[in-house]
Amino acid sequence: MPNFDELLKGKEAASLMKDPSKLEKLRDAPETQRIFSLLSQSTGNLESAAERAAKGDTAQLTDAIRRLMQDPEGAKLIQKMKENFK
């Protein structure tokens, strides 16, 4: 299972951040929507967790993402997204 911090610092993430059309496609993908749903369930309020993370309090969001990556469904969704956006 990939380490979350490694994913954020990887070449794929950097490449994706430079391509607005890929980012838009990723945002709208069914896998992404399901991941957002799972994260919302895990955090209780994904938007609030994301706002706190933007202010430096990343604990809740990081925890939710780690749980998602350990969940079989979440891991499959992440793998599918990764394969689709290489």
C-alpha atoms as a PDB file:
ATOM      1  CA  MET A   1       0.000   0.000   0.000  1.00  0.00           C
ATOM      2  CA  PRO A   2       1.474   3.404  -0.940  1.00  0.00           C
ATOM      3  CA  ASN A   3       2.449   5.874   1.722  1.00  0.00           C
ATOM      4  CA  PHE A   4       0.194   8.961   1.603  1.00  0.00           C
ATOM      5  CA  ASP A   5       3.077  11.415   1.963  1.00  0.00           C
ATOM      6  CA  GLU A   6       4.927   9.726  -0.898  1.00  0.00           C
ATOM      7  CA  LEU A   7       1.858  10.072  -3.128  1.00  0.00           C
ATOM      8  CA  LEU A   8       1.676  13.805  -2.519  1.00  0.00           C
ATOM      9  CA  LYS A   9       5.369  14.341  -3.251  1.00  0.00           C
ATOM     10  CA  GLY A  10       5.570  12.042  -6.263  1.00  0.00           C
ATOM     11  CA  LYS A  11       6.187  12.899  -9.898  1.00  0.00           C
ATOM     12  CA  GLU A  12       2.646  11.872 -10.817  1.00  0.00           C
ATOM     13  CA  ALA A  13       1.122  14.365  -8.389  1.00  0.00           C
ATOM     14  CA  ALA A  14       3.407  17.139  -9.643  1.00  0.00           C
ATOM     15  CA  SER A  15       2.510  16.354 -13.245  1.00  0.00           C
ATOM     16  CA  LEU A  16      -1.186  16.280 -12.457  1.00  0.00           C
ATOM     17  CA  MET A  17      -1.046  19.650 -10.710  1.00  0.00           C
ATOM     18  CA  LYS A  18       0.373  21.210 -13.887  1.00  0.00           C
ATOM     19  CA  ASP A  19      -2.454  19.971 -16.132  1.00  0.00           C
ATOM     20  CA  PRO A  20      -5.829  21.667 -15.446  1.00  0.00           C
ATOM     21  CA  SER A  21      -7.710  19.418 -17.889  1.00  0.00           C
ATOM     22  CA  LYS A  22      -6.453  16.275 -16.149  1.00  0.00           C
ATOM     23  CA  LEU A  23      -7.343  17.755 -12.771  1.00  0.00           C
ATOM     24  CA  GLU A  24     -10.858  18.502 -13.996  1.00  0.00           C
ATOM     25  CA  LYS A  25     -11.234  14.990 -15.418  1.00  0.00           C
ATOM     26  CA  LEU A  26      -9.981  13.543 -12.135  1.00  0.00           C
ATOM     27  CA  ARG A  27     -12.394  15.685 -10.116  1.00  0.00           C
ATOM     28  CA  ASP A  28     -15.363  14.519 -12.176  1.00  0.00           C
ATOM     29  CA  ALA A  29     -14.456  10.816 -12.309  1.00  0.00           C
ATOM     30  CA  PRO A  30     -16.898   8.417 -10.599  1.00  0.00           C
ATOM     31  CA  GLU A  31     -14.020   6.990  -8.552  1.00  0.00           C
ATOM     32  CA  THR A  32     -13.214  10.437  -7.205  1.00  0.00           C
ATOM     33  CA  GLN A  33     -16.824  11.065  -6.272  1.00  0.00           C
ATOM     34  CA  ARG A  34     -16.944   7.758  -4.388  1.00  0.00           C
ATOM     35  CA  ILE A  35     -13.689   8.583  -2.613  1.00  0.00           C
ATOM     36  CA  PHE A  36     -15.137  11.953  -1.551  1.00  0.00           C
ATOM     37  CA  SER A  37     -18.195  10.124  -0.248  1.00  0.00           C
ATOM     38  CA  LEU A  38     -16.069   7.695   1.765  1.00  0.00           C
ATOM     39  CA  LEU A  39     -13.958  10.549   3.143  1.00  0.00           C
ATOM     40  CA  SER A  40     -17.095  12.464   4.092  1.00  0.00           C
ATOM     41  CA  GLN A  41     -18.362   9.453   6.006  1.00  0.00           C
ATOM     42  CA  SER A  42     -15.024   9.105   7.746  1.00  0.00           C
ATOM     43  CA  THR A  43     -14.609  12.764   8.711  1.00  0.00           C
ATOM     44  CA  GLY A  44     -18.246  13.620   9.294  1.00  0.00           C
ATOM     45  CA  ASN A  45     -17.711  16.841   7.339  1.00  0.00           C
ATOM     46  CA  LEU A  46     -15.126  16.694   4.570  1.00  0.00           C
ATOM     47  CA  GLU A  47     -15.301  20.410   3.792  1.00  0.00           C
ATOM     48  CA  SER A  48     -14.592  21.336   7.404  1.00  0.00           C
ATOM     49  CA  ALA A  49     -11.711  18.840   7.599  1.00  0.00           C
ATOM     50  CA  ALA A  50     -10.254  20.274   4.370  1.00  0.00           C
ATOM     51  CA  GLU A  51     -10.553  23.835   5.701  1.00  0.00           C
ATOM     52  CA  ARG A  52      -8.746  22.845   8.897  1.00  0.00           C
ATOM     53  CA  ALA A  53      -6.056  21.119   6.840  1.00  0.00           C
ATOM     54  CA  ALA A  54      -5.564  24.269   4.766  1.00  0.00           C
ATOM     55  CA  LYS A  55      -4.938  26.142   8.030  1.00  0.00           C
ATOM     56  CA  GLY A  56      -2.338  23.599   9.150  1.00  0.00           C
ATOM     57  CA  ASP A  57      -4.456  21.155  11.173  1.00  0.00           C
ATOM     58  CA  THR A  58      -4.141  18.118   8.924  1.00  0.00           C
ATOM     59  CA  ALA A  59      -4.744  15.400  11.519  1.00  0.00           C
ATOM     60  CA  GLN A  60      -8.405  14.629  10.776  1.00  0.00           C
ATOM     61  CA  LEU A  61      -8.057  14.671   6.996  1.00  0.00           C
ATOM     62  CA  THR A  62      -4.790  12.723   7.021  1.00  0.00           C
ATOM     63  CA  ASP A  63      -6.345  10.142   9.314  1.00  0.00           C
ATOM     64  CA  ALA A  64      -9.370   9.782   7.033  1.00  0.00           C
ATOM     65  CA  ILE A  65      -7.165   9.354   3.958  1.00  0.00           C
ATOM     66  CA  ARG A  66      -5.028   6.735   5.686  1.00  0.00           C
ATOM     67  CA  ARG A  67      -8.172   4.818   6.670  1.00  0.00           C
ATOM     68  CA  LEU A  68      -9.414   5.094   3.080  1.00  0.00           C
ATOM     69  CA  MET A  69      -6.157   3.640   1.776  1.00  0.00           C
ATOM     70  CA  GLN A  70      -6.423   0.727   4.224  1.00  0.00           C
ATOM     71  CA  ASP A  71     -10.036  -0.007   3.255  1.00  0.00           C
ATOM     72  CA  PRO A  72     -10.254  -2.586   0.428  1.00  0.00           C
ATOM     73  CA  GLU A  73     -12.789  -0.501  -1.527  1.00  0.00           C
ATOM     74  CA  GLY A  74     -10.798   2.692  -1.019  1.00  0.00           C
ATOM     75  CA  ALA A  75      -7.542   1.038  -2.064  1.00  0.00           C
ATOM     76  CA  LYS A  76      -9.195  -0.305  -5.248  1.00  0.00           C
ATOM     77  CA  LEU A  77     -10.619   3.130  -6.078  1.00  0.00           C
ATOM     78  CA  ILE A  78      -7.256   4.798  -5.584  1.00  0.00           C
ATOM     79  CA  GLN A  79      -5.515   2.172  -7.710  1.00  0.00           C
ATOM     80  CA  LYS A  80      -8.082   2.586 -10.487  1.00  0.00           C
ATOM     81  CA  MET A  81      -7.649   6.364 -10.441  1.00  0.00           C
ATOM     82  CA  LYS A  82      -3.883   5.983 -10.534  1.00  0.00           C
ATOM     83  CA  GLU A  83      -4.090   3.678 -13.560  1.00  0.00           C
ATOM     84  CA  ASN A  84      -6.483   6.007 -15.393  1.00  0.00           C
ATOM     85  CA  PHE A  85      -4.301   9.098 -14.999  1.00  0.00           C
ATOM     86  CA  LYS A  86      -0.810   7.887 -15.835  1.00  0.00           C
END
